[in-house]
Amino acid sequence: MHNQNGINTGGMSWLGFELNVLRRLKFQSVALPLAGEPHLGQYLKRLNVSVAANDPAEWAWTKSTVFIENNSEVLTEVDIDQVLADAYVPANYFKNATLLSWFNETDAWWFDNVRANAEKLQSPYKRALALALGMAVGDYVFSFNLETRDLRQPLSLSNVFRRLWKALPLPVDNRRRNKSTNAPVRSFVAETFDTDLLFLRLPHPPRATDSRNARVLSWREEWLKQTRTTRDNGHVRLAAPVETKEQYLKLVEDLLHIAAHVPTWAIAGISDGFISTDELVECVGDARKIDAVYTKDFSELLGLKAVIITAGA
């Protein structure tokens, strides 16, 4: 399953839906206030679009830095050796003891040492890439549960890291200036100018079925920040926690007013019982005249419907 902003989505079908809508619009630059996973930005780079990706979550910002902002830098064999040096050698103490709540002690030492070694790389893009690969190793570990852990291959995590590195495609170089930031959503939108399109993938309060996904995103944040974080930290919010649909829609409305200077909007949301498509359409329509509403039904797979609302100034 492919996740965007802490929402389990239907793999490439979800991304295909977003791209199908965006290809109908005319734009040379796009702002992604809640980028989540970098897949959409990577595809838009291939279409020669200048991408400005933002996310308040450090795990998402790290991924956007290397897969969206970075046009050319890669990790070399020397870099890999440096990152994996003494990865399994215990130190006197854990730099990030919270890892023991996520992994067994052997794996925890590996993640602790690799996190420290990555900081020794000179280039910020190389550091981000090493950390992105480390997150992928963590995803590998979390892909097994009590019933399937016997299927985990007897590979060291260092070997998994190397395999993932060798499988990486070359960076997408669209010869455009792309950027990645780690700012609050409202600040990013207010300070983003000279952009043709705002693509806002709205976050959603986590559901009970999102528990595994929330766990994966939370460990990423704690590994990168090397400290305990609130367990809902991986679920990026617009500005503040919400408990009612009225609070949620008010936050969306306020954000859209801040985004009034951006010529074209594409607002993506989901309908699964918390906010209906009609309520979201009404909210966007109160801020700007709507051009089109696109929907895709993922009910059989995920129990939700996706909606993208486009609006021009």
C-alpha atoms as a PDB file:
ATOM      1  CA  MET A   1       0.000   0.000   0.000  1.00  0.00           C
ATOM      2  CA  HIS A   2       1.099   3.488  -0.798  1.00  0.00           C
ATOM      3  CA  ASN A   3       0.616   6.237   1.759  1.00  0.00           C
ATOM      4  CA  GLN A   4       0.558   9.974   1.252  1.00  0.00           C
ATOM      5  CA  ASN A   5      -0.153  11.990   4.393  1.00  0.00           C
ATOM      6  CA  GLY A   6      -0.672   9.135   6.791  1.00  0.00           C
ATOM      7  CA  ILE A   7      -3.654   7.830   4.819  1.00  0.00           C
ATOM      8  CA  ASN A   8      -3.552   4.318   3.421  1.00  0.00           C
ATOM      9  CA  THR A   9      -4.280   4.569  -0.268  1.00  0.00           C
ATOM     10  CA  GLY A  10      -4.619   2.205  -3.145  1.00  0.00           C
ATOM     11  CA  GLY A  11      -1.085   2.175  -4.469  1.00  0.00           C
ATOM     12  CA  MET A  12      -0.454   3.501  -7.932  1.00  0.00           C
ATOM     13  CA  SER A  13      -4.203   3.794  -8.607  1.00  0.00           C
ATOM     14  CA  TRP A  14      -4.400   6.727  -6.183  1.00  0.00           C
ATOM     15  CA  LEU A  15      -1.363   8.419  -7.700  1.00  0.00           C
ATOM     16  CA  GLY A  16      -2.741   7.721 -11.175  1.00  0.00           C
ATOM     17  CA  PHE A  17      -5.987   9.480 -10.233  1.00  0.00           C
ATOM     18  CA  GLU A  18      -4.095  12.579  -9.081  1.00  0.00           C
ATOM     19  CA  LEU A  19      -1.942  12.679 -12.215  1.00  0.00           C
ATOM     20  CA  ASN A  20      -4.944  12.138 -14.471  1.00  0.00           C
ATOM     21  CA  VAL A  21      -6.580  15.249 -13.024  1.00  0.00           C
ATOM     22  CA  LEU A  22      -3.419  17.367 -12.985  1.00  0.00           C
ATOM     23  CA  ARG A  23      -2.664  16.620 -16.638  1.00  0.00           C
ATOM     24  CA  ARG A  24      -5.901  18.457 -17.505  1.00  0.00           C
ATOM     25  CA  LEU A  25      -4.538  21.679 -16.002  1.00  0.00           C
ATOM     26  CA  LYS A  26      -2.004  24.093 -17.428  1.00  0.00           C
ATOM     27  CA  PHE A  27       0.880  24.871 -15.087  1.00  0.00           C
ATOM     28  CA  GLN A  28       4.664  25.055 -15.074  1.00  0.00           C
ATOM     29  CA  SER A  29       5.121  25.260 -11.318  1.00  0.00           C
ATOM     30  CA  VAL A  30       3.339  23.639  -8.384  1.00  0.00           C
ATOM     31  CA  ALA A  31       3.293  24.059  -4.613  1.00  0.00           C
ATOM     32  CA  LEU A  32       2.644  21.002  -2.428  1.00  0.00           C
ATOM     33  CA  PRO A  33       1.930  22.248   1.133  1.00  0.00           C
ATOM     34  CA  LEU A  34       1.512  18.696   2.474  1.00  0.00           C
ATOM     35  CA  ALA A  35       3.748  16.648   0.230  1.00  0.00           C
ATOM     36  CA  GLY A  36       3.779  13.392   2.202  1.00  0.00           C
ATOM     37  CA  GLU A  37       5.534  10.706   0.171  1.00  0.00           C
ATOM     38  CA  PRO A  38       7.462  12.269  -2.755  1.00  0.00           C
ATOM     39  CA  HIS A  39       5.972  10.190  -5.588  1.00  0.00           C
ATOM     40  CA  LEU A  40       3.709  12.899  -7.021  1.00  0.00           C
ATOM     41  CA  GLY A  41       6.493  15.477  -7.018  1.00  0.00           C
ATOM     42  CA  GLN A  42       8.824  13.031  -8.760  1.00  0.00           C
ATOM     43  CA  TYR A  43       6.310  12.418 -11.539  1.00  0.00           C
ATOM     44  CA  LEU A  44       5.660  16.136 -11.975  1.00  0.00           C
ATOM     45  CA  LYS A  45       9.407  16.715 -12.291  1.00  0.00           C
ATOM     46  CA  ARG A  46       9.380  14.271 -15.209  1.00  0.00           C
ATOM     47  CA  LEU A  47       6.758  16.525 -16.806  1.00  0.00           C
ATOM     48  CA  ASN A  48       9.239  19.428 -16.524  1.00  0.00           C
ATOM     49  CA  VAL A  49       7.298  21.105 -13.729  1.00  0.00           C
ATOM     50  CA  SER A  50       9.100  23.130 -11.061  1.00  0.00           C
ATOM     51  CA  VAL A  51       8.077  21.622  -7.711  1.00  0.00           C
ATOM     52  CA  ALA A  52       8.012  23.323  -4.312  1.00  0.00           C
ATOM     53  CA  ALA A  53       7.338  20.598  -1.734  1.00  0.00           C
ATOM     54  CA  ASN A  54       6.653  21.251   1.938  1.00  0.00           C
ATOM     55  CA  ASP A  55       5.725  19.134   4.906  1.00  0.00           C
ATOM     56  CA  PRO A  56       5.775  19.819   8.662  1.00  0.00           C
ATOM     57  CA  ALA A  57       6.790  16.192   9.243  1.00  0.00           C
ATOM     58  CA  GLU A  58      10.548  15.717   9.155  1.00  0.00           C
ATOM     59  CA  TRP A  59      10.325  12.283   7.514  1.00  0.00           C
ATOM     60  CA  ALA A  60       8.415  13.740   4.547  1.00  0.00           C
ATOM     61  CA  TRP A  61      10.699  16.776   4.290  1.00  0.00           C
ATOM     62  CA  THR A  62      13.746  14.490   4.249  1.00  0.00           C
ATOM     63  CA  LYS A  63      12.318  12.422   1.400  1.00  0.00           C
ATOM     64  CA  SER A  64      11.319  15.494  -0.603  1.00  0.00           C
ATOM     65  CA  THR A  65      14.799  16.950  -0.162  1.00  0.00           C
ATOM     66  CA  VAL A  66      16.453  14.037  -1.921  1.00  0.00           C
ATOM     67  CA  PHE A  67      13.762  12.938  -4.381  1.00  0.00           C
ATOM     68  CA  ILE A  68      12.312  16.331  -5.363  1.00  0.00           C
ATOM     69  CA  GLU A  69      14.805  19.110  -4.587  1.00  0.00           C
ATOM     70  CA  ASN A  70      17.863  17.071  -5.529  1.00  0.00           C
ATOM     71  CA  ASN A  71      18.477  16.870  -9.284  1.00  0.00           C
ATOM     72  CA  SER A  72      21.764  15.025  -9.495  1.00  0.00           C
ATOM     73  CA  GLU A  73      23.534  13.835  -6.333  1.00  0.00           C
ATOM     74  CA  VAL A  74      23.847  10.113  -5.567  1.00  0.00           C
ATOM     75  CA  LEU A  75      25.499   7.994  -2.907  1.00  0.00           C
ATOM     76  CA  THR A  76      28.789   6.350  -3.842  1.00  0.00           C
ATOM     77  CA  GLU A  77      30.210   3.079  -2.571  1.00  0.00           C
ATOM     78  CA  VAL A  78      32.496   5.108  -0.286  1.00  0.00           C
ATOM     79  CA  ASP A  79      29.465   6.908   1.148  1.00  0.00           C
ATOM     80  CA  ILE A  80      27.681   3.620   1.765  1.00  0.00           C
ATOM     81  CA  ASP A  81      30.716   2.199   3.574  1.00  0.00           C
ATOM     82  CA  GLN A  82      30.813   5.307   5.772  1.00  0.00           C
ATOM     83  CA  VAL A  83      27.113   5.095   6.650  1.00  0.00           C
ATOM     84  CA  LEU A  84      27.288   1.384   7.471  1.00  0.00           C
ATOM     85  CA  ALA A  85      30.613   1.475   9.351  1.00  0.00           C
ATOM     86  CA  ASP A  86      30.337  -0.476  12.637  1.00  0.00           C
ATOM     87  CA  ALA A  87      26.566  -0.388  12.302  1.00  0.00           C
ATOM     88  CA  TYR A  88      26.072  -3.326  14.662  1.00  0.00           C
ATOM     89  CA  VAL A  89      28.724  -2.366  17.233  1.00  0.00           C
ATOM     90  CA  PRO A  90      27.078  -1.332  20.539  1.00  0.00           C
ATOM     91  CA  ALA A  91      28.222   1.962  22.020  1.00  0.00           C
ATOM     92  CA  ASN A  92      28.278   2.898  25.699  1.00  0.00           C
ATOM     93  CA  TYR A  93      24.721   4.193  25.431  1.00  0.00           C
ATOM     94  CA  PHE A  94      21.976   4.751  22.847  1.00  0.00           C
ATOM     95  CA  LYS A  95      21.846   8.202  21.305  1.00  0.00           C
ATOM     96  CA  ASN A  96      18.142   7.512  20.790  1.00  0.00           C
ATOM     97  CA  ALA A  97      16.892   5.053  23.388  1.00  0.00           C
ATOM     98  CA  THR A  98      13.338   5.267  22.029  1.00  0.00           C
ATOM     99  CA  LEU A  99      14.444   2.865  19.290  1.00  0.00           C
ATOM    100  CA  LEU A 100      14.187   0.066  21.839  1.00  0.00           C
ATOM    101  CA  SER A 101      10.417   0.571  21.888  1.00  0.00           C
ATOM    102  CA  TRP A 102      10.300  -0.113  18.152  1.00  0.00           C
ATOM    103  CA  PHE A 103      12.967  -2.777  17.507  1.00  0.00           C
ATOM    104  CA  ASN A 104      14.852  -5.584  19.179  1.00  0.00           C
ATOM    105  CA  GLU A 105      18.170  -4.520  20.686  1.00  0.00           C
ATOM    106  CA  THR A 106      20.308  -5.683  17.738  1.00  0.00           C
ATOM    107  CA  ASP A 107      18.220  -3.805  15.188  1.00  0.00           C
ATOM    108  CA  ALA A 108      18.006  -0.774  17.480  1.00  0.00           C
ATOM    109  CA  TRP A 109      21.811  -0.511  17.596  1.00  0.00           C
ATOM    110  CA  TRP A 110      21.895  -0.656  13.794  1.00  0.00           C
ATOM    111  CA  PHE A 111      19.413   2.194  13.392  1.00  0.00           C
ATOM    112  CA  ASP A 112      21.109   4.274  16.107  1.00  0.00           C
ATOM    113  CA  ASN A 113      24.556   3.940  14.524  1.00  0.00           C
ATOM    114  CA  VAL A 114      23.367   4.458  10.943  1.00  0.00           C
ATOM    115  CA  ARG A 115      21.517   7.627  12.011  1.00  0.00           C
ATOM    116  CA  ALA A 116      24.732   9.009  13.516  1.00  0.00           C
ATOM    117  CA  ASN A 117      26.884   7.930  10.562  1.00  0.00           C
ATOM    118  CA  ALA A 118      24.564   9.601   8.059  1.00  0.00           C
ATOM    119  CA  GLU A 119      25.220  12.956   9.714  1.00  0.00           C
ATOM    120  CA  LYS A 120      28.911  12.629   8.827  1.00  0.00           C
ATOM    121  CA  LEU A 121      28.214  12.863   5.076  1.00  0.00           C
ATOM    122  CA  GLN A 122      29.210  16.268   3.743  1.00  0.00           C
ATOM    123  CA  SER A 123      26.355  16.901   1.313  1.00  0.00           C
ATOM    124  CA  PRO A 124      22.844  17.607   2.671  1.00  0.00           C
ATOM    125  CA  TYR A 125      21.405  15.648  -0.268  1.00  0.00           C
ATOM    126  CA  LYS A 126      23.576  12.639   0.507  1.00  0.00           C
ATOM    127  CA  ARG A 127      22.574  12.819   4.171  1.00  0.00           C
ATOM    128  CA  ALA A 128      18.910  12.959   3.190  1.00  0.00           C
ATOM    129  CA  LEU A 129      19.328  10.027   0.802  1.00  0.00           C
ATOM    130  CA  ALA A 130      21.035   7.909   3.467  1.00  0.00           C
ATOM    131  CA  LEU A 131      18.208   8.712   5.871  1.00  0.00           C
ATOM    132  CA  ALA A 132      15.580   7.901   3.231  1.00  0.00           C
ATOM    133  CA  LEU A 133      17.234   4.521   2.706  1.00  0.00           C
ATOM    134  CA  GLY A 134      17.272   3.999   6.469  1.00  0.00           C
ATOM    135  CA  MET A 135      13.534   4.673   6.564  1.00  0.00           C
ATOM    136  CA  ALA A 136      13.068   2.118   3.795  1.00  0.00           C
ATOM    137  CA  VAL A 137      14.964  -0.438   5.877  1.00  0.00           C
ATOM    138  CA  GLY A 138      12.612   0.329   8.747  1.00  0.00           C
ATOM    139  CA  ASP A 139       9.625  -0.175   6.432  1.00  0.00           C
ATOM    140  CA  TYR A 140      11.119  -3.569   5.567  1.00  0.00           C
ATOM    141  CA  VAL A 141      11.324  -4.524   9.237  1.00  0.00           C
ATOM    142  CA  PHE A 142       7.775  -3.329   9.927  1.00  0.00           C
ATOM    143  CA  SER A 143       6.424  -5.262   6.951  1.00  0.00           C
ATOM    144  CA  PHE A 144       6.637  -8.389   9.128  1.00  0.00           C
ATOM    145  CA  ASN A 145       4.359  -9.151  12.062  1.00  0.00           C
ATOM    146  CA  LEU A 146       4.231 -11.933  14.638  1.00  0.00           C
ATOM    147  CA  GLU A 147       2.668 -14.284  12.118  1.00  0.00           C
ATOM    148  CA  THR A 148       5.105 -13.535   9.289  1.00  0.00           C
ATOM    149  CA  ARG A 149       8.370 -12.716  11.045  1.00  0.00           C
ATOM    150  CA  ASP A 150       9.693 -16.199  10.247  1.00  0.00           C
ATOM    151  CA  LEU A 151       9.604 -15.168   6.583  1.00  0.00           C
ATOM    152  CA  ARG A 152      12.115 -12.378   7.188  1.00  0.00           C
ATOM    153  CA  GLN A 153      15.265 -13.343   5.310  1.00  0.00           C
ATOM    154  CA  PRO A 154      18.383 -13.906   7.422  1.00  0.00           C
ATOM    155  CA  LEU A 155      19.971 -10.789   5.941  1.00  0.00           C
ATOM    156  CA  SER A 156      21.693  -8.159   8.003  1.00  0.00           C
ATOM    157  CA  LEU A 157      20.017  -4.771   7.822  1.00  0.00           C
ATOM    158  CA  SER A 158      23.204  -3.497   6.200  1.00  0.00           C
ATOM    159  CA  ASN A 159      22.653  -5.903   3.311  1.00  0.00           C
ATOM    160  CA  VAL A 160      19.046  -4.727   3.018  1.00  0.00           C
ATOM    161  CA  PHE A 161      20.328  -1.136   2.952  1.00  0.00           C
ATOM    162  CA  ARG A 162      22.772  -1.971   0.132  1.00  0.00           C
ATOM    163  CA  ARG A 163      20.111  -3.755  -1.896  1.00  0.00           C
ATOM    164  CA  LEU A 164      17.781  -0.784  -1.603  1.00  0.00           C
ATOM    165  CA  TRP A 165      20.607   1.564  -2.603  1.00  0.00           C
ATOM    166  CA  LYS A 166      21.426  -0.478  -5.714  1.00  0.00           C
ATOM    167  CA  ALA A 167      17.750  -0.512  -6.704  1.00  0.00           C
ATOM    168  CA  LEU A 168      17.396   3.270  -6.541  1.00  0.00           C
ATOM    169  CA  PRO A 169      16.722   4.991  -9.873  1.00  0.00           C
ATOM    170  CA  LEU A 170      18.881   7.945 -10.828  1.00  0.00           C
ATOM    171  CA  PRO A 171      17.636  11.356  -9.661  1.00  0.00           C
ATOM    172  CA  VAL A 172      15.163  13.108 -11.948  1.00  0.00           C
ATOM    173  CA  ASP A 173      16.856  16.202 -13.392  1.00  0.00           C
ATOM    174  CA  ASN A 174      14.210  18.485 -14.882  1.00  0.00           C
ATOM    175  CA  ARG A 175      16.685  21.379 -15.109  1.00  0.00           C
ATOM    176  CA  ARG A 176      14.324  23.445 -13.000  1.00  0.00           C
ATOM    177  CA  ARG A 177      14.690  24.869  -9.511  1.00  0.00           C
ATOM    178  CA  ASN A 178      12.851  22.586  -7.105  1.00  0.00           C
ATOM    179  CA  LYS A 179      12.779  23.004  -3.352  1.00  0.00           C
ATOM    180  CA  SER A 180      11.800  21.198  -0.184  1.00  0.00           C
ATOM    181  CA  THR A 181      10.849  22.901   3.071  1.00  0.00           C
ATOM    182  CA  ASN A 182       9.801  21.872   6.579  1.00  0.00           C
ATOM    183  CA  ALA A 183       7.461  24.749   7.436  1.00  0.00           C
ATOM    184  CA  PRO A 184       3.975  24.979   8.964  1.00  0.00           C
ATOM    185  CA  VAL A 185       1.359  24.679   6.215  1.00  0.00           C
ATOM    186  CA  ARG A 186      -0.093  28.155   6.670  1.00  0.00           C
ATOM    187  CA  SER A 187       3.353  29.804   6.573  1.00  0.00           C
ATOM    188  CA  PHE A 188       4.362  27.886   3.459  1.00  0.00           C
ATOM    189  CA  VAL A 189       1.192  28.824   1.581  1.00  0.00           C
ATOM    190  CA  ALA A 190       1.389  32.477   2.612  1.00  0.00           C
ATOM    191  CA  GLU A 191       5.025  32.779   1.541  1.00  0.00           C
ATOM    192  CA  THR A 192       4.781  30.863  -1.750  1.00  0.00           C
ATOM    193  CA  PHE A 193       4.604  33.225  -4.710  1.00  0.00           C
ATOM    194  CA  ASP A 194       5.246  32.911  -8.460  1.00  0.00           C
ATOM    195  CA  THR A 195       3.560  29.502  -8.457  1.00  0.00           C
ATOM    196  CA  ASP A 196       0.930  28.487 -11.001  1.00  0.00           C
ATOM    197  CA  LEU A 197      -0.802  25.740  -9.042  1.00  0.00           C
ATOM    198  CA  LEU A 198      -1.527  24.851  -5.435  1.00  0.00           C
ATOM    199  CA  PHE A 199      -2.087  21.118  -5.014  1.00  0.00           C
ATOM    200  CA  LEU A 200      -3.396  20.654  -1.491  1.00  0.00           C
ATOM    201  CA  ARG A 201      -3.818  17.049  -0.413  1.00  0.00           C
ATOM    202  CA  LEU A 202      -5.914  17.492   2.695  1.00  0.00           C
ATOM    203  CA  PRO A 203      -4.914  15.466   5.761  1.00  0.00           C
ATOM    204  CA  HIS A 204      -7.486  13.369   7.522  1.00  0.00           C
ATOM    205  CA  PRO A 205      -7.943  12.339  11.143  1.00  0.00           C
ATOM    206  CA  PRO A 206      -6.520   8.817  11.530  1.00  0.00           C
ATOM    207  CA  ARG A 207      -8.940   5.919  11.564  1.00  0.00           C
ATOM    208  CA  ALA A 208      -8.654   2.728  13.583  1.00  0.00           C
ATOM    209  CA  THR A 209      -7.565   0.892  10.435  1.00  0.00           C
ATOM    210  CA  ASP A 210      -4.631   3.311  10.109  1.00  0.00           C
ATOM    211  CA  SER A 211      -2.915   2.065  13.272  1.00  0.00           C
ATOM    212  CA  ARG A 212      -0.092   0.247  11.497  1.00  0.00           C
ATOM    213  CA  ASN A 213       0.486   3.170   9.154  1.00  0.00           C
ATOM    214  CA  ALA A 214       0.562   5.583  12.104  1.00  0.00           C
ATOM    215  CA  ARG A 215       3.118   3.357  13.815  1.00  0.00           C
ATOM    216  CA  VAL A 216       5.414   3.409  10.780  1.00  0.00           C
ATOM    217  CA  LEU A 217       5.214   7.179  10.404  1.00  0.00           C
ATOM    218  CA  SER A 218       5.775   7.734  14.134  1.00  0.00           C
ATOM    219  CA  TRP A 219       8.947   5.658  14.249  1.00  0.00           C
ATOM    220  CA  ARG A 220      10.338   7.541  11.245  1.00  0.00           C
ATOM    221  CA  GLU A 221       9.829  10.841  13.043  1.00  0.00           C
ATOM    222  CA  GLU A 222      11.411   9.587  16.261  1.00  0.00           C
ATOM    223  CA  TRP A 223      14.383   8.109  14.404  1.00  0.00           C
ATOM    224  CA  LEU A 224      15.084  11.329  12.536  1.00  0.00           C
ATOM    225  CA  LYS A 225      14.572  13.633  15.520  1.00  0.00           C
ATOM    226  CA  GLN A 226      16.306  11.162  17.850  1.00  0.00           C
ATOM    227  CA  THR A 227      13.765  11.725  20.568  1.00  0.00           C
ATOM    228  CA  ARG A 228      10.276  10.710  21.633  1.00  0.00           C
ATOM    229  CA  THR A 229       7.501  12.463  19.748  1.00  0.00           C
ATOM    230  CA  THR A 230       3.742  12.456  20.098  1.00  0.00           C
ATOM    231  CA  ARG A 231       2.424   9.331  18.448  1.00  0.00           C
ATOM    232  CA  ASP A 232       0.150  11.256  16.085  1.00  0.00           C
ATOM    233  CA  ASN A 233       3.112  13.280  14.805  1.00  0.00           C
ATOM    234  CA  GLY A 234       3.184  11.365  11.550  1.00  0.00           C
ATOM    235  CA  HIS A 235      -0.367  12.461  10.774  1.00  0.00           C
ATOM    236  CA  VAL A 236       0.222  15.913   9.414  1.00  0.00           C
ATOM    237  CA  ARG A 237      -2.446  18.434  10.333  1.00  0.00           C
ATOM    238  CA  LEU A 238      -3.479  21.699   8.726  1.00  0.00           C
ATOM    239  CA  ALA A 239      -2.658  23.756  11.798  1.00  0.00           C
ATOM    240  CA  ALA A 240      -4.157  22.245  14.940  1.00  0.00           C
ATOM    241  CA  PRO A 241      -5.916  19.129  16.219  1.00  0.00           C
ATOM    242  CA  VAL A 242      -9.553  18.815  15.178  1.00  0.00           C
ATOM    243  CA  GLU A 243     -12.407  16.856  16.727  1.00  0.00           C
ATOM    244  CA  THR A 244     -15.404  17.983  14.663  1.00  0.00           C
ATOM    245  CA  LYS A 245     -16.075  18.448  10.987  1.00  0.00           C
ATOM    246  CA  GLU A 246     -16.902  22.104  11.676  1.00  0.00           C
ATOM    247  CA  GLN A 247     -13.407  22.698  13.076  1.00  0.00           C
ATOM    248  CA  TYR A 248     -11.856  20.858  10.148  1.00  0.00           C
ATOM    249  CA  LEU A 249     -13.788  22.789   7.496  1.00  0.00           C
ATOM    250  CA  LYS A 250     -12.984  26.087   9.234  1.00  0.00           C
ATOM    251  CA  LEU A 251      -9.257  25.280   9.040  1.00  0.00           C
ATOM    252  CA  VAL A 252      -9.592  24.421   5.335  1.00  0.00           C
ATOM    253  CA  GLU A 253     -11.536  27.638   4.704  1.00  0.00           C
ATOM    254  CA  ASP A 254      -8.900  29.757   6.482  1.00  0.00           C
ATOM    255  CA  LEU A 255      -6.094  28.102   4.529  1.00  0.00           C
ATOM    256  CA  LEU A 256      -7.842  28.683   1.192  1.00  0.00           C
ATOM    257  CA  HIS A 257      -8.201  32.381   1.970  1.00  0.00           C
ATOM    258  CA  ILE A 258      -4.451  32.512   2.650  1.00  0.00           C
ATOM    259  CA  ALA A 259      -3.909  30.832  -0.753  1.00  0.00           C
ATOM    260  CA  ALA A 260      -5.945  33.430  -2.662  1.00  0.00           C
ATOM    261  CA  HIS A 261      -2.818  34.682  -4.482  1.00  0.00           C
ATOM    262  CA  VAL A 262      -2.195  31.322  -6.189  1.00  0.00           C
ATOM    263  CA  PRO A 263      -3.903  31.329  -9.638  1.00  0.00           C
ATOM    264  CA  THR A 264      -5.117  27.711  -9.715  1.00  0.00           C
ATOM    265  CA  TRP A 265      -6.098  25.278  -6.986  1.00  0.00           C
ATOM    266  CA  ALA A 266      -6.462  21.526  -6.953  1.00  0.00           C
ATOM    267  CA  ILE A 267      -7.850  20.424  -3.582  1.00  0.00           C
ATOM    268  CA  ALA A 268      -7.705  16.685  -2.910  1.00  0.00           C
ATOM    269  CA  GLY A 269      -9.659  15.018  -0.147  1.00  0.00           C
ATOM    270  CA  ILE A 270     -11.358  11.783   0.814  1.00  0.00           C
ATOM    271  CA  SER A 271     -14.915  10.939   1.763  1.00  0.00           C
ATOM    272  CA  ASP A 272     -15.256   8.144   4.286  1.00  0.00           C
ATOM    273  CA  GLY A 273     -17.871   9.419   6.687  1.00  0.00           C
ATOM    274  CA  PHE A 274     -16.016  12.274   8.379  1.00  0.00           C
ATOM    275  CA  ILE A 275     -16.271  14.914   5.624  1.00  0.00           C
ATOM    276  CA  SER A 276     -18.565  14.313   2.670  1.00  0.00           C
ATOM    277  CA  THR A 277     -17.729  15.300  -0.899  1.00  0.00           C
ATOM    278  CA  ASP A 278     -20.599  17.799  -0.908  1.00  0.00           C
ATOM    279  CA  GLU A 279     -19.338  19.463   2.269  1.00  0.00           C
ATOM    280  CA  LEU A 280     -15.840  19.804   0.860  1.00  0.00           C
ATOM    281  CA  VAL A 281     -17.147  21.151  -2.453  1.00  0.00           C
ATOM    282  CA  GLU A 282     -19.224  23.724  -0.597  1.00  0.00           C
ATOM    283  CA  CYS A 283     -16.212  24.774   1.478  1.00  0.00           C
ATOM    284  CA  VAL A 284     -14.008  25.299  -1.578  1.00  0.00           C
ATOM    285  CA  GLY A 285     -16.847  26.958  -3.494  1.00  0.00           C
ATOM    286  CA  ASP A 286     -17.263  29.568  -0.750  1.00  0.00           C
ATOM    287  CA  ALA A 287     -13.653  30.644  -1.338  1.00  0.00           C
ATOM    288  CA  ARG A 288     -13.463  30.518  -5.151  1.00  0.00           C
ATOM    289  CA  LYS A 289     -15.546  29.561  -8.179  1.00  0.00           C
ATOM    290  CA  ILE A 290     -15.133  25.855  -8.840  1.00  0.00           C
ATOM    291  CA  ASP A 291     -14.085  24.701 -12.298  1.00  0.00           C
ATOM    292  CA  ALA A 292     -14.550  20.943 -11.935  1.00  0.00           C
ATOM    293  CA  VAL A 293     -15.007  18.135  -9.428  1.00  0.00           C
ATOM    294  CA  TYR A 294     -13.376  14.749 -10.047  1.00  0.00           C
ATOM    295  CA  THR A 295     -14.124  11.657  -7.988  1.00  0.00           C
ATOM    296  CA  LYS A 296     -12.854   8.089  -7.865  1.00  0.00           C
ATOM    297  CA  ASP A 297     -14.427   5.278  -5.882  1.00  0.00           C
ATOM    298  CA  PHE A 298     -12.038   3.187  -3.780  1.00  0.00           C
ATOM    299  CA  SER A 299     -14.878   1.752  -1.666  1.00  0.00           C
ATOM    300  CA  GLU A 300     -14.227  -1.917  -2.394  1.00  0.00           C
ATOM    301  CA  LEU A 301     -10.553  -1.637  -1.519  1.00  0.00           C
ATOM    302  CA  LEU A 302     -10.435   1.059   1.155  1.00  0.00           C
ATOM    303  CA  GLY A 303     -13.978   2.030   2.075  1.00  0.00           C
ATOM    304  CA  LEU A 304     -13.573   5.594   0.836  1.00  0.00           C
ATOM    305  CA  LYS A 305     -13.946   7.854  -2.175  1.00  0.00           C
ATOM    306  CA  ALA A 306     -11.329  10.268  -3.457  1.00  0.00           C
ATOM    307  CA  VAL A 307     -12.222  13.748  -4.686  1.00  0.00           C
ATOM    308  CA  ILE A 308     -10.187  16.488  -6.373  1.00  0.00           C
ATOM    309  CA  ILE A 309     -11.726  19.942  -6.777  1.00  0.00           C
ATOM    310  CA  THR A 310     -10.156  22.373  -9.223  1.00  0.00           C
ATOM    311  CA  ALA A 311     -10.702  26.118  -9.118  1.00  0.00           C
ATOM    312  CA  GLY A 312      -9.170  29.085 -10.938  1.00  0.00           C
ATOM    313  CA  ALA A 313      -8.872  32.692  -9.853  1.00  0.00           C
END
